[in-house]
PDB file of N, CA and C in Angstrom:
ATOM      1  N   MET A   1       2.630 -15.002   1.777  1.00  0.00           N
ATOM      2  CA  MET A   1       2.149 -13.676   2.159  1.00  0.00           C
ATOM      3  C   MET A   1       0.699 -13.537   1.726  1.00  0.00           C
ATOM      4  N   ARG A   2      -0.108 -12.991   2.617  1.00  0.00           N
ATOM      5  CA  ARG A   2      -1.509 -12.714   2.289  1.00  0.00           C
ATOM      6  C   ARG A   2      -1.655 -11.213   2.095  1.00  0.00           C
ATOM      7  N   TRP A   3      -2.344 -10.836   1.057  1.00  0.00           N
ATOM      8  CA  TRP A   3      -2.513  -9.427   0.695  1.00  0.00           C
ATOM      9  C   TRP A   3      -3.989  -9.080   0.755  1.00  0.00           C
ATOM     10  N   PHE A   4      -4.275  -7.895   1.341  1.00  0.00           N
ATOM     11  CA  PHE A   4      -5.645  -7.420   1.443  1.00  0.00           C
ATOM     12  C   PHE A   4      -5.701  -5.973   0.947  1.00  0.00           C
ATOM     13  N   CYS A   5      -6.906  -5.552   0.583  1.00  0.00           N
ATOM     14  CA  CYS A   5      -7.067  -4.212   0.033  1.00  0.00           C
ATOM     15  C   CYS A   5      -8.350  -3.591   0.572  1.00  0.00           C
ATOM     16  N   TYR A   6      -8.243  -2.343   1.007  1.00  0.00           N
ATOM     17  CA  TYR A   6      -9.409  -1.583   1.469  1.00  0.00           C
ATOM     18  C   TYR A   6     -10.289  -1.287   0.255  1.00  0.00           C
ATOM     19  N   PRO A   7     -11.571  -1.625   0.314  1.00  0.00           N
ATOM     20  CA  PRO A   7     -12.462  -1.330  -0.813  1.00  0.00           C
ATOM     21  C   PRO A   7     -12.850   0.153  -0.832  1.00  0.00           C
ATOM     22  N   THR A   8     -12.787   0.773  -1.982  1.00  0.00           N
ATOM     23  CA  THR A   8     -13.121   2.190  -2.087  1.00  0.00           C
ATOM     24  C   THR A   8     -14.309   2.370  -3.025  1.00  0.00           C
ATOM     25  N   GLY A   9     -15.475   2.555  -2.467  1.00  0.00           N
ATOM     26  CA  GLY A   9     -16.673   2.843  -3.250  1.00  0.00           C
ATOM     27  C   GLY A   9     -16.944   1.810  -4.321  1.00  0.00           C
ATOM     28  N   ASP A  10     -16.955   2.256  -5.568  1.00  0.00           N
ATOM     29  CA  ASP A  10     -17.252   1.368  -6.688  1.00  0.00           C
ATOM     30  C   ASP A  10     -16.071   0.493  -7.074  1.00  0.00           C
ATOM     31  N   GLU A  11     -14.919   0.746  -6.470  1.00  0.00           N
ATOM     32  CA  GLU A  11     -13.703   0.017  -6.831  1.00  0.00           C
ATOM     33  C   GLU A  11     -13.290  -0.908  -5.685  1.00  0.00           C
ATOM     34  N   PRO A  12     -13.735  -2.179  -5.717  1.00  0.00           N
ATOM     35  CA  PRO A  12     -13.406  -3.083  -4.613  1.00  0.00           C
ATOM     36  C   PRO A  12     -11.923  -3.454  -4.560  1.00  0.00           C
ATOM     37  N   ASP A  13     -11.215  -3.370  -5.679  1.00  0.00           N
ATOM     38  CA  ASP A  13      -9.792  -3.697  -5.674  1.00  0.00           C
ATOM     39  C   ASP A  13      -8.986  -2.501  -6.178  1.00  0.00           C
ATOM     40  N   LEU A  14      -8.793  -1.582  -5.264  1.00  0.00           N
ATOM     41  CA  LEU A  14      -8.032  -0.367  -5.534  1.00  0.00           C
ATOM     42  C   LEU A  14      -6.668  -0.678  -6.144  1.00  0.00           C
ATOM     43  N   TRP A  15      -6.024  -1.702  -5.632  1.00  0.00           N
ATOM     44  CA  TRP A  15      -4.678  -2.066  -6.055  1.00  0.00           C
ATOM     45  C   TRP A  15      -4.640  -2.456  -7.533  1.00  0.00           C
ATOM     46  N   ALA A  16      -5.492  -3.406  -7.929  1.00  0.00           N
ATOM     47  CA  ALA A  16      -5.516  -3.859  -9.328  1.00  0.00           C
ATOM     48  C   ALA A  16      -5.914  -2.713 -10.260  1.00  0.00           C
ATOM     49  N   HIS A  17      -6.866  -1.908  -9.835  1.00  0.00           N
ATOM     50  CA  HIS A  17      -7.310  -0.777 -10.645  1.00  0.00           C
ATOM     51  C   HIS A  17      -6.164   0.214 -10.858  1.00  0.00           C
ATOM     52  N   TRP A  18      -5.432   0.529  -9.802  1.00  0.00           N
ATOM     53  CA  TRP A  18      -4.293   1.437  -9.900  1.00  0.00           C
ATOM     54  C   TRP A  18      -3.226   0.857 -10.826  1.00  0.00           C
ATOM     55  N   LEU A  19      -2.877  -0.411 -10.625  1.00  0.00           N
ATOM     56  CA  LEU A  19      -1.806  -1.029 -11.403  1.00  0.00           C
ATOM     57  C   LEU A  19      -2.136  -1.080 -12.886  1.00  0.00           C
ATOM     58  N   ALA A  20      -3.373  -1.348 -13.220  1.00  0.00           N
ATOM     59  CA  ALA A  20      -3.785  -1.431 -14.626  1.00  0.00           C
ATOM     60  C   ALA A  20      -3.628  -0.095 -15.352  1.00  0.00           C
ATOM     61  N   ARG A  21      -3.676   1.003 -14.616  1.00  0.00           N
ATOM     62  CA  ARG A  21      -3.561   2.338 -15.221  1.00  0.00           C
ATOM     63  C   ARG A  21      -2.117   2.823 -15.323  1.00  0.00           C
ATOM     64  N   GLN A  22      -1.164   2.042 -14.832  1.00  0.00           N
ATOM     65  CA  GLN A  22       0.234   2.481 -14.817  1.00  0.00           C
ATOM     66  C   GLN A  22       0.949   2.116 -16.121  1.00  0.00           C
ATOM     67  N   SER A  23       2.061   2.799 -16.343  1.00  0.00           N
ATOM     68  CA  SER A  23       2.893   2.526 -17.511  1.00  0.00           C
ATOM     69  C   SER A  23       3.523   1.140 -17.368  1.00  0.00           C
ATOM     70  N   LYS A  24       4.034   0.612 -18.471  1.00  0.00           N
ATOM     71  CA  LYS A  24       4.724  -0.690 -18.434  1.00  0.00           C
ATOM     72  C   LYS A  24       5.915  -0.633 -17.487  1.00  0.00           C
ATOM     73  N   ARG A  25       6.602   0.502 -17.464  1.00  0.00           N
ATOM     74  CA  ARG A  25       7.759   0.667 -16.577  1.00  0.00           C
ATOM     75  C   ARG A  25       7.331   0.573 -15.111  1.00  0.00           C
ATOM     76  N   ALA A  26       6.263   1.262 -14.763  1.00  0.00           N
ATOM     77  CA  ALA A  26       5.776   1.229 -13.382  1.00  0.00           C
ATOM     78  C   ALA A  26       5.277  -0.170 -13.017  1.00  0.00           C
ATOM     79  N   GLN A  27       4.619  -0.845 -13.947  1.00  0.00           N
ATOM     80  CA  GLN A  27       4.155  -2.209 -13.686  1.00  0.00           C
ATOM     81  C   GLN A  27       5.339  -3.148 -13.450  1.00  0.00           C
ATOM     82  N   ALA A  28       6.400  -2.969 -14.223  1.00  0.00           N
ATOM     83  CA  ALA A  28       7.593  -3.804 -14.048  1.00  0.00           C
ATOM     84  C   ALA A  28       8.254  -3.527 -12.699  1.00  0.00           C
ATOM     85  N   LYS A  29       8.343  -2.248 -12.327  1.00  0.00           N
ATOM     86  CA  LYS A  29       8.920  -1.897 -11.017  1.00  0.00           C
ATOM     87  C   LYS A  29       8.074  -2.488  -9.896  1.00  0.00           C
ATOM     88  N   HIS A  30       6.759  -2.414 -10.042  1.00  0.00           N
ATOM     89  CA  HIS A  30       5.849  -2.989  -9.058  1.00  0.00           C
ATOM     90  C   HIS A  30       6.125  -4.481  -8.903  1.00  0.00           C
ATOM     91  N   ALA A  31       6.282  -5.193 -10.000  1.00  0.00           N
ATOM     92  CA  ALA A  31       6.533  -6.632  -9.955  1.00  0.00           C
ATOM     93  C   ALA A  31       7.824  -6.945  -9.207  1.00  0.00           C
ATOM     94  N   VAL A  32       8.863  -6.164  -9.442  1.00  0.00           N
ATOM     95  CA  VAL A  32      10.141  -6.374  -8.756  1.00  0.00           C
ATOM     96  C   VAL A  32       9.975  -6.159  -7.252  1.00  0.00           C
ATOM     97  N   VAL A  33       9.342  -5.066  -6.886  1.00  0.00           N
ATOM     98  CA  VAL A  33       9.149  -4.755  -5.467  1.00  0.00           C
ATOM     99  C   VAL A  33       8.309  -5.836  -4.787  1.00  0.00           C
ATOM    100  N   MET A  34       7.255  -6.299  -5.445  1.00  0.00           N
ATOM    101  CA  MET A  34       6.387  -7.302  -4.832  1.00  0.00           C
ATOM    102  C   MET A  34       7.112  -8.635  -4.653  1.00  0.00           C
ATOM    103  N   ARG A  35       7.967  -9.004  -5.583  1.00  0.00           N
ATOM    104  CA  ARG A  35       8.762 -10.231  -5.416  1.00  0.00           C
ATOM    105  C   ARG A  35       9.692 -10.090  -4.220  1.00  0.00           C
ATOM    106  N   PHE A  36      10.316  -8.926  -4.098  1.00  0.00           N
ATOM    107  CA  PHE A  36      11.226  -8.642  -2.985  1.00  0.00           C
ATOM    108  C   PHE A  36      10.492  -8.797  -1.655  1.00  0.00           C
ATOM    109  N   LEU A  37       9.322  -8.176  -1.535  1.00  0.00           N
ATOM    110  CA  LEU A  37       8.547  -8.238  -0.297  1.00  0.00           C
ATOM    111  C   LEU A  37       7.979  -9.638  -0.053  1.00  0.00           C
ATOM    112  N   SER A  38       7.491 -10.285  -1.101  1.00  0.00           N
ATOM    113  CA  SER A  38       6.926 -11.629  -0.962  1.00  0.00           C
ATOM    114  C   SER A  38       7.960 -12.629  -0.461  1.00  0.00           C
ATOM    115  N   ASP A  39       9.224 -12.374  -0.774  1.00  0.00           N
ATOM    116  CA  ASP A  39      10.314 -13.241  -0.306  1.00  0.00           C
ATOM    117  C   ASP A  39      10.738 -12.908   1.125  1.00  0.00           C
ATOM    118  N   GLY A  40      10.051 -11.945   1.754  1.00  0.00           N
ATOM    119  CA  GLY A  40      10.313 -11.635   3.154  1.00  0.00           C
ATOM    120  C   GLY A  40      11.295 -10.512   3.411  1.00  0.00           C
ATOM    121  N   HIS A  41      11.652  -9.776   2.392  1.00  0.00           N
ATOM    122  CA  HIS A  41      12.629  -8.683   2.526  1.00  0.00           C
ATOM    123  C   HIS A  41      11.910  -7.347   2.749  1.00  0.00           C
ATOM    124  N   TRP A  42      11.329  -7.189   3.923  1.00  0.00           N
ATOM    125  CA  TRP A  42      10.592  -5.975   4.272  1.00  0.00           C
ATOM    126  C   TRP A  42      11.552  -4.956   4.865  1.00  0.00           C
ATOM    127  N   ARG A  43      12.284  -4.290   3.998  1.00  0.00           N
ATOM    128  CA  ARG A  43      13.225  -3.240   4.407  1.00  0.00           C
ATOM    129  C   ARG A  43      13.450  -2.328   3.203  1.00  0.00           C
ATOM    130  N   GLY A  44      14.218  -1.257   3.442  1.00  0.00           N
ATOM    131  CA  GLY A  44      14.518  -0.329   2.367  1.00  0.00           C
ATOM    132  C   GLY A  44      15.313  -1.004   1.277  1.00  0.00           C
ATOM    133  N   PRO A  45      15.205  -0.498   0.102  1.00  0.00           N
ATOM    134  CA  PRO A  45      14.515   0.740  -0.280  1.00  0.00           C
ATOM    135  C   PRO A  45      13.035   0.566  -0.604  1.00  0.00           C
ATOM    136  N   HIS A  46      12.521  -0.679  -0.522  1.00  0.00           N
ATOM    137  CA  HIS A  46      11.145  -0.929  -0.970  1.00  0.00           C
ATOM    138  C   HIS A  46      10.100  -0.803   0.126  1.00  0.00           C
ATOM    139  N   TRP A  47      10.520  -0.708   1.371  1.00  0.00           N
ATOM    140  CA  TRP A  47       9.571  -0.640   2.481  1.00  0.00           C
ATOM    141  C   TRP A  47      10.089   0.324   3.524  1.00  0.00           C
ATOM    142  N   ARG A  48       9.168   1.088   4.107  1.00  0.00           N
ATOM    143  CA  ARG A  48       9.524   1.967   5.214  1.00  0.00           C
ATOM    144  C   ARG A  48       8.364   1.993   6.188  1.00  0.00           C
ATOM    145  N   ALA A  49       8.656   1.674   7.449  1.00  0.00           N
ATOM    146  CA  ALA A  49       7.650   1.785   8.501  1.00  0.00           C
ATOM    147  C   ALA A  49       7.497   3.253   8.862  1.00  0.00           C
ATOM    148  N   LEU A  50       6.269   3.683   9.057  1.00  0.00           N
ATOM    149  CA  LEU A  50       6.008   5.067   9.426  1.00  0.00           C
ATOM    150  C   LEU A  50       6.098   5.214  10.946  1.00  0.00           C
ATOM    151  N   VAL A  51       6.319   6.418  11.403  1.00  0.00           N
ATOM    152  CA  VAL A  51       6.516   6.680  12.831  1.00  0.00           C
ATOM    153  C   VAL A  51       5.564   7.783  13.292  1.00  0.00           C
ATOM    154  N   GLY A  52       5.648   8.077  14.567  1.00  0.00           N
ATOM    155  CA  GLY A  52       4.835   9.163  15.126  1.00  0.00           C
ATOM    156  C   GLY A  52       3.359   8.807  15.114  1.00  0.00           C
ATOM    157  N   ALA A  53       2.540   9.734  14.677  1.00  0.00           N
ATOM    158  CA  ALA A  53       1.087   9.545  14.656  1.00  0.00           C
ATOM    159  C   ALA A  53       0.669   8.403  13.743  1.00  0.00           C
ATOM    160  N   TYR A  54       1.542   8.007  12.824  1.00  0.00           N
ATOM    161  CA  TYR A  54       1.205   6.967  11.844  1.00  0.00           C
ATOM    162  C   TYR A  54       1.892   5.635  12.151  1.00  0.00           C
ATOM    163  N   GLN A  55       2.449   5.522  13.343  1.00  0.00           N
ATOM    164  CA  GLN A  55       3.113   4.282  13.731  1.00  0.00           C
ATOM    165  C   GLN A  55       2.143   3.121  13.589  1.00  0.00           C
ATOM    166  N   GLY A  56       2.628   2.032  13.051  1.00  0.00           N
ATOM    167  CA  GLY A  56       1.785   0.873  12.759  1.00  0.00           C
ATOM    168  C   GLY A  56       1.485   0.769  11.280  1.00  0.00           C
ATOM    169  N   LEU A  57       1.613   1.889  10.588  1.00  0.00           N
ATOM    170  CA  LEU A  57       1.448   1.895   9.139  1.00  0.00           C
ATOM    171  C   LEU A  57       2.832   1.929   8.501  1.00  0.00           C
ATOM    172  N   GLY A  58       2.871   1.648   7.217  1.00  0.00           N
ATOM    173  CA  GLY A  58       4.116   1.723   6.475  1.00  0.00           C
ATOM    174  C   GLY A  58       3.816   1.948   5.010  1.00  0.00           C
ATOM    175  N   GLU A  59       4.875   2.096   4.240  1.00  0.00           N
ATOM    176  CA  GLU A  59       4.682   2.355   2.817  1.00  0.00           C
ATOM    177  C   GLU A  59       5.575   1.468   1.973  1.00  0.00           C
ATOM    178  N   ILE A  60       4.938   0.847   0.984  1.00  0.00           N
ATOM    179  CA  ILE A  60       5.671   0.154  -0.059  1.00  0.00           C
ATOM    180  C   ILE A  60       6.068   1.233  -1.051  1.00  0.00           C
ATOM    181  N   ARG A  61       7.339   1.263  -1.416  1.00  0.00           N
ATOM    182  CA  ARG A  61       7.855   2.335  -2.269  1.00  0.00           C
ATOM    183  C   ARG A  61       8.159   1.798  -3.667  1.00  0.00           C
ATOM    184  N   ILE A  62       7.550   2.435  -4.635  1.00  0.00           N
ATOM    185  CA  ILE A  62       7.771   2.048  -6.018  1.00  0.00           C
ATOM    186  C   ILE A  62       8.226   3.278  -6.781  1.00  0.00           C
ATOM    187  N   ALA A  63       9.502   3.264  -7.149  1.00  0.00           N
ATOM    188  CA  ALA A  63      10.092   4.390  -7.877  1.00  0.00           C
ATOM    189  C   ALA A  63      10.012   4.084  -9.366  1.00  0.00           C
ATOM    190  N   ALA A  64       9.113   4.773 -10.037  1.00  0.00           N
ATOM    191  CA  ALA A  64       8.936   4.578 -11.476  1.00  0.00           C
ATOM    192  C   ALA A  64       8.739   5.947 -12.102  1.00  0.00           C
ATOM    193  N   ASP A  65       7.641   6.123 -12.829  1.00  0.00           N
ATOM    194  CA  ASP A  65       7.347   7.422 -13.434  1.00  0.00           C
ATOM    195  C   ASP A  65       7.148   8.476 -12.357  1.00  0.00           C
ATOM    196  N   ARG A  66       6.643   8.040 -11.237  1.00  0.00           N
ATOM    197  CA  ARG A  66       6.482   8.862 -10.036  1.00  0.00           C
ATOM    198  C   ARG A  66       7.007   8.051  -8.865  1.00  0.00           C
ATOM    199  N   GLN A  67       7.154   8.706  -7.734  1.00  0.00           N
ATOM    200  CA  GLN A  67       7.557   8.023  -6.505  1.00  0.00           C
ATOM    201  C   GLN A  67       6.286   7.551  -5.805  1.00  0.00           C
ATOM    202  N   TRP A  68       5.791   6.385  -6.199  1.00  0.00           N
ATOM    203  CA  TRP A  68       4.539   5.869  -5.662  1.00  0.00           C
ATOM    204  C   TRP A  68       4.711   5.346  -4.254  1.00  0.00           C
ATOM    205  N   ARG A  69       3.666   5.519  -3.455  1.00  0.00           N
ATOM    206  CA  ARG A  69       3.623   4.999  -2.099  1.00  0.00           C
ATOM    207  C   ARG A  69       2.325   4.225  -1.929  1.00  0.00           C
ATOM    208  N   LEU A  70       2.439   2.957  -1.605  1.00  0.00           N
ATOM    209  CA  LEU A  70       1.296   2.116  -1.309  1.00  0.00           C
ATOM    210  C   LEU A  70       1.261   1.986   0.213  1.00  0.00           C
ATOM    211  N   ILE A  71       0.400   2.753   0.824  1.00  0.00           N
ATOM    212  CA  ILE A  71       0.376   2.861   2.279  1.00  0.00           C
ATOM    213  C   ILE A  71      -0.570   1.811   2.855  1.00  0.00           C
ATOM    214  N   GLY A  72      -0.081   1.146   3.877  1.00  0.00           N
ATOM    215  CA  GLY A  72      -0.898   0.114   4.483  1.00  0.00           C
ATOM    216  C   GLY A  72      -0.349  -0.335   5.813  1.00  0.00           C
ATOM    217  N   ARG A  73      -0.850  -1.471   6.246  1.00  0.00           N
ATOM    218  CA  ARG A  73      -0.436  -2.023   7.532  1.00  0.00           C
ATOM    219  C   ARG A  73       0.055  -3.449   7.321  1.00  0.00           C
ATOM    220  N   ARG A  74       1.236  -3.701   7.822  1.00  0.00           N
ATOM    221  CA  ARG A  74       1.816  -5.035   7.761  1.00  0.00           C
ATOM    222  C   ARG A  74       1.598  -5.719   9.095  1.00  0.00           C
ATOM    223  N   GLU A  75       0.994  -6.884   9.036  1.00  0.00           N
ATOM    224  CA  GLU A  75       0.777  -7.702  10.228  1.00  0.00           C
ATOM    225  C   GLU A  75       1.755  -8.866  10.126  1.00  0.00           C
ATOM    226  N   GLU A  76       2.914  -8.675  10.739  1.00  0.00           N
ATOM    227  CA  GLU A  76       3.993  -9.652  10.614  1.00  0.00           C
ATOM    228  C   GLU A  76       3.589 -11.032  11.138  1.00  0.00           C
ATOM    229  N   ALA A  77       2.915 -11.083  12.277  1.00  0.00           N
ATOM    230  CA  ALA A  77       2.528 -12.363  12.875  1.00  0.00           C
ATOM    231  C   ALA A  77       1.562 -13.137  11.977  1.00  0.00           C
ATOM    232  N   GLU A  78       0.714 -12.436  11.245  1.00  0.00           N
ATOM    233  CA  GLU A  78      -0.246 -13.074  10.345  1.00  0.00           C
ATOM    234  C   GLU A  78       0.281 -13.196   8.929  1.00  0.00           C
ATOM    235  N   ASN A  79       1.497 -12.696   8.697  1.00  0.00           N
ATOM    236  CA  ASN A  79       2.096 -12.701   7.364  1.00  0.00           C
ATOM    237  C   ASN A  79       1.136 -12.064   6.351  1.00  0.00           C
ATOM    238  N   ALA A  80       0.666 -10.860   6.695  1.00  0.00           N
ATOM    239  CA  ALA A  80      -0.336 -10.187   5.875  1.00  0.00           C
ATOM    240  C   ALA A  80      -0.012  -8.702   5.735  1.00  0.00           C
ATOM    241  N   PHE A  81      -0.478  -8.137   4.630  1.00  0.00           N
ATOM    242  CA  PHE A  81      -0.384  -6.700   4.388  1.00  0.00           C
ATOM    243  C   PHE A  81      -1.730  -6.232   3.875  1.00  0.00           C
ATOM    244  N   THR A  82      -2.226  -5.140   4.438  1.00  0.00           N
ATOM    245  CA  THR A  82      -3.485  -4.537   4.002  1.00  0.00           C
ATOM    246  C   THR A  82      -3.191  -3.184   3.382  1.00  0.00           C
ATOM    247  N   LEU A  83      -3.496  -3.042   2.102  1.00  0.00           N
ATOM    248  CA  LEU A  83      -3.328  -1.771   1.398  1.00  0.00           C
ATOM    249  C   LEU A  83      -4.486  -0.856   1.756  1.00  0.00           C
ATOM    250  N   LEU A  84      -4.162   0.367   2.179  1.00  0.00           N
ATOM    251  CA  LEU A  84      -5.181   1.317   2.613  1.00  0.00           C
ATOM    252  C   LEU A  84      -5.298   2.533   1.698  1.00  0.00           C
ATOM    253  N   MET A  85      -4.193   2.920   1.072  1.00  0.00           N
ATOM    254  CA  MET A  85      -4.175   4.164   0.285  1.00  0.00           C
ATOM    255  C   MET A  85      -3.019   4.115  -0.701  1.00  0.00           C
ATOM    256  N   ILE A  86      -3.235   4.649  -1.886  1.00  0.00           N
ATOM    257  CA  ILE A  86      -2.160   4.787  -2.865  1.00  0.00           C
ATOM    258  C   ILE A  86      -2.004   6.268  -3.176  1.00  0.00           C
ATOM    259  N   CYS A  87      -0.769   6.722  -3.152  1.00  0.00           N
ATOM    260  CA  CYS A  87      -0.484   8.120  -3.441  1.00  0.00           C
ATOM    261  C   CYS A  87       0.910   8.202  -4.043  1.00  0.00           C
ATOM    262  N   TYR A  88       1.337   9.393  -4.343  1.00  0.00           N
ATOM    263  CA  TYR A  88       2.730   9.553  -4.723  1.00  0.00           C
ATOM    264  C   TYR A  88       3.366  10.610  -3.854  1.00  0.00           C
ATOM    265  N   HIS A  89       4.675  10.665  -3.927  1.00  0.00           N
ATOM    266  CA  HIS A  89       5.477  11.457  -3.006  1.00  0.00           C
ATOM    267  C   HIS A  89       6.474  12.276  -3.808  1.00  0.00           C
ATOM    268  N   LYS A  90       6.531  13.563  -3.527  1.00  0.00           N
ATOM    269  CA  LYS A  90       7.487  14.434  -4.205  1.00  0.00           C
ATOM    270  C   LYS A  90       7.885  15.546  -3.247  1.00  0.00           C
ATOM    271  N   ASP A  91       9.172  15.761  -3.116  1.00  0.00           N
ATOM    272  CA  ASP A  91       9.696  16.839  -2.269  1.00  0.00           C
ATOM    273  C   ASP A  91       9.107  16.798  -0.857  1.00  0.00           C
ATOM    274  N   LYS A  92       9.064  15.619  -0.262  1.00  0.00           N
ATOM    275  CA  LYS A  92       8.574  15.416   1.101  1.00  0.00           C
ATOM    276  C   LYS A  92       7.086  15.714   1.277  1.00  0.00           C
ATOM    277  N   VAL A  93       6.339  15.729   0.175  1.00  0.00           N
ATOM    278  CA  VAL A  93       4.905  16.003   0.223  1.00  0.00           C
ATOM    279  C   VAL A  93       4.164  14.842  -0.440  1.00  0.00           C
ATOM    280  N   TYR A  94       3.132  14.357   0.239  1.00  0.00           N
ATOM    281  CA  TYR A  94       2.295  13.308  -0.330  1.00  0.00           C
ATOM    282  C   TYR A  94       1.206  13.946  -1.184  1.00  0.00           C
ATOM    283  N   ASP A  95       0.802  13.258  -2.242  1.00  0.00           N
ATOM    284  CA  ASP A  95      -0.306  13.713  -3.080  1.00  0.00           C
ATOM    285  C   ASP A  95      -1.239  12.531  -3.268  1.00  0.00           C
ATOM    286  N   PRO A  96      -2.438  12.600  -2.712  1.00  0.00           N
ATOM    287  CA  PRO A  96      -3.034  13.744  -2.042  1.00  0.00           C
ATOM    288  C   PRO A  96      -2.394  14.011  -0.671  1.00  0.00           C
ATOM    289  N   ARG A  97      -2.488  15.249  -0.260  1.00  0.00           N
ATOM    290  CA  ARG A  97      -1.824  15.686   0.981  1.00  0.00           C
ATOM    291  C   ARG A  97      -2.333  14.960   2.223  1.00  0.00           C
ATOM    292  N   ASP A  98      -3.583  14.527   2.194  1.00  0.00           N
ATOM    293  CA  ASP A  98      -4.157  13.851   3.360  1.00  0.00           C
ATOM    294  C   ASP A  98      -4.027  12.328   3.272  1.00  0.00           C
ATOM    295  N   ALA A  99      -3.119  11.836   2.466  1.00  0.00           N
ATOM    296  CA  ALA A  99      -2.975  10.389   2.247  1.00  0.00           C
ATOM    297  C   ALA A  99      -2.734   9.624   3.543  1.00  0.00           C
ATOM    298  N   LEU A 100      -1.847  10.114   4.383  1.00  0.00           N
ATOM    299  CA  LEU A 100      -1.547   9.405   5.630  1.00  0.00           C
ATOM    300  C   LEU A 100      -2.738   9.421   6.581  1.00  0.00           C
ATOM    301  N   GLU A 101      -3.427  10.550   6.667  1.00  0.00           N
ATOM    302  CA  GLU A 101      -4.609  10.637   7.525  1.00  0.00           C
ATOM    303  C   GLU A 101      -5.710   9.703   7.021  1.00  0.00           C
ATOM    304  N   THR A 102      -5.865   9.649   5.699  1.00  0.00           N
ATOM    305  CA  THR A 102      -6.868   8.764   5.104  1.00  0.00           C
ATOM    306  C   THR A 102      -6.541   7.308   5.404  1.00  0.00           C
ATOM    307  N   ALA A 103      -5.280   6.939   5.253  1.00  0.00           N
ATOM    308  CA  ALA A 103      -4.868   5.556   5.537  1.00  0.00           C
ATOM    309  C   ALA A 103      -5.130   5.206   7.000  1.00  0.00           C
ATOM    310  N   LEU A 104      -4.784   6.102   7.898  1.00  0.00           N
ATOM    311  CA  LEU A 104      -5.003   5.855   9.325  1.00  0.00           C
ATOM    312  C   LEU A 104      -6.494   5.733   9.634  1.00  0.00           C
ATOM    313  N   ARG A 105      -7.323   6.590   9.073  1.00  0.00           N
ATOM    314  CA  ARG A 105      -8.778   6.520   9.284  1.00  0.00           C
ATOM    315  C   ARG A 105      -9.324   5.187   8.763  1.00  0.00           C
ATOM    316  N   ARG A 106      -8.857   4.765   7.593  1.00  0.00           N
ATOM    317  CA  ARG A 106      -9.324   3.503   7.031  1.00  0.00           C
ATOM    318  C   ARG A 106      -8.918   2.319   7.914  1.00  0.00           C
ATOM    319  N   TRP A 107      -7.695   2.355   8.444  1.00  0.00           N
ATOM    320  CA  TRP A 107      -7.273   1.261   9.316  1.00  0.00           C
ATOM    321  C   TRP A 107      -8.149   1.213  10.571  1.00  0.00           C
ATOM    322  N   ARG A 108      -8.470   2.367  11.128  1.00  0.00           N
ATOM    323  CA  ARG A 108      -9.342   2.408  12.317  1.00  0.00           C
ATOM    324  C   ARG A 108     -10.729   1.860  11.998  1.00  0.00           C
ATOM    325  N   GLU A 109     -11.232   2.147  10.793  1.00  0.00           N
ATOM    326  CA  GLU A 109     -12.529   1.602  10.379  1.00  0.00           C
ATOM    327  C   GLU A 109     -12.476   0.077  10.348  1.00  0.00           C
ATOM    328  N   ILE A 110     -11.378  -0.468   9.843  1.00  0.00           N
ATOM    329  CA  ILE A 110     -11.214  -1.921   9.799  1.00  0.00           C
ATOM    330  C   ILE A 110     -11.137  -2.480  11.212  1.00  0.00           C
ATOM    331  N   GLU A 111     -10.333  -1.876  12.063  1.00  0.00           N
ATOM    332  CA  GLU A 111     -10.191  -2.328  13.451  1.00  0.00           C
ATOM    333  C   GLU A 111     -11.513  -2.310  14.201  1.00  0.00           C
ATOM    334  N   ASN A 112     -12.332  -1.312  13.914  1.00  0.00           N
ATOM    335  CA  ASN A 112     -13.609  -1.152  14.611  1.00  0.00           C
ATOM    336  C   ASN A 112     -14.745  -1.925  13.949  1.00  0.00           C
ATOM    337  N   GLY A 113     -14.434  -2.688  12.907  1.00  0.00           N
ATOM    338  CA  GLY A 113     -15.438  -3.502  12.239  1.00  0.00           C
ATOM    339  C   GLY A 113     -16.383  -2.734  11.350  1.00  0.00           C
ATOM    340  N   LEU A 114     -16.051  -1.498  11.037  1.00  0.00           N
ATOM    341  CA  LEU A 114     -16.928  -0.680  10.192  1.00  0.00           C
ATOM    342  C   LEU A 114     -16.701  -0.943   8.704  1.00  0.00           C
ATOM    343  N   GLU A 115     -15.569  -1.543   8.390  1.00  0.00           N
ATOM    344  CA  GLU A 115     -15.236  -1.834   6.994  1.00  0.00           C
ATOM    345  C   GLU A 115     -14.516  -3.168   6.955  1.00  0.00           C
ATOM    346  N   ARG A 116     -14.711  -3.881   5.873  1.00  0.00           N
ATOM    347  CA  ARG A 116     -14.037  -5.172   5.696  1.00  0.00           C
ATOM    348  C   ARG A 116     -13.132  -5.093   4.480  1.00  0.00           C
ATOM    349  N   THR A 117     -12.016  -5.753   4.575  1.00  0.00           N
ATOM    350  CA  THR A 117     -11.083  -5.753   3.446  1.00  0.00           C
ATOM    351  C   THR A 117     -11.383  -6.932   2.539  1.00  0.00           C
ATOM    352  N   ALA A 118     -10.899  -6.816   1.329  1.00  0.00           N
ATOM    353  CA  ALA A 118     -11.036  -7.896   0.360  1.00  0.00           C
ATOM    354  C   ALA A 118      -9.673  -8.546   0.159  1.00  0.00           C
ATOM    355  N   ARG A 119      -9.658  -9.849   0.034  1.00  0.00           N
ATOM    356  CA  ARG A 119      -8.407 -10.565  -0.250  1.00  0.00           C
ATOM    357  C   ARG A 119      -7.932 -10.129  -1.629  1.00  0.00           C
ATOM    358  N   HIS A 120      -6.660  -9.911  -1.747  1.00  0.00           N
ATOM    359  CA  HIS A 120      -6.097  -9.417  -3.003  1.00  0.00           C
ATOM    360  C   HIS A 120      -4.947 -10.321  -3.411  1.00  0.00           C
ATOM    361  N   ASP A 121      -5.014 -10.844  -4.597  1.00  0.00           N
ATOM    362  CA  ASP A 121      -3.895 -11.595  -5.147  1.00  0.00           C
ATOM    363  C   ASP A 121      -3.146 -10.637  -6.048  1.00  0.00           C
ATOM    364  N   HIS A 122      -2.143  -9.989  -5.475  1.00  0.00           N
ATOM    365  CA  HIS A 122      -1.451  -8.946  -6.218  1.00  0.00           C
ATOM    366  C   HIS A 122      -0.815  -9.519  -7.470  1.00  0.00           C
ATOM    367  N   PRO A 123      -0.918  -8.807  -8.571  1.00  0.00           N
ATOM    368  CA  PRO A 123      -0.238  -9.244  -9.791  1.00  0.00           C
ATOM    369  C   PRO A 123       1.250  -8.924  -9.673  1.00  0.00           C
ATOM    370  N   ALA A 124       2.073  -9.939  -9.620  1.00  0.00           N
ATOM    371  CA  ALA A 124       3.512  -9.715  -9.465  1.00  0.00           C
ATOM    372  C   ALA A 124       4.280 -10.181 -10.676  1.00  0.00           C
TER     373      ALA A 124
END
């Protein structure tokens, strides 16, 4: 599996930066989920494809101190995942509230060549 990450301003590796700030419990849950996905098990409870206006995107789900959502795009044919946004989810509401719109905008920037992703070797 190849992993990519949308660069955000001064933080070229949003994923590593986010993970380093998490509790040991959340880091352990992340490791379990990443092993599951790396082995090709892209289904619930750790993965959910989004629908409607966000079709083409999906969320890696990490249930730890919070219900984390790592929103991105999975390219099955290329065996790749691009992380676009990290947020958490509570009571059917994303925080930040515009997380899905932000992820979709970032993916369009990548598609249109306005932004380039960085290869990410996720810590699992």
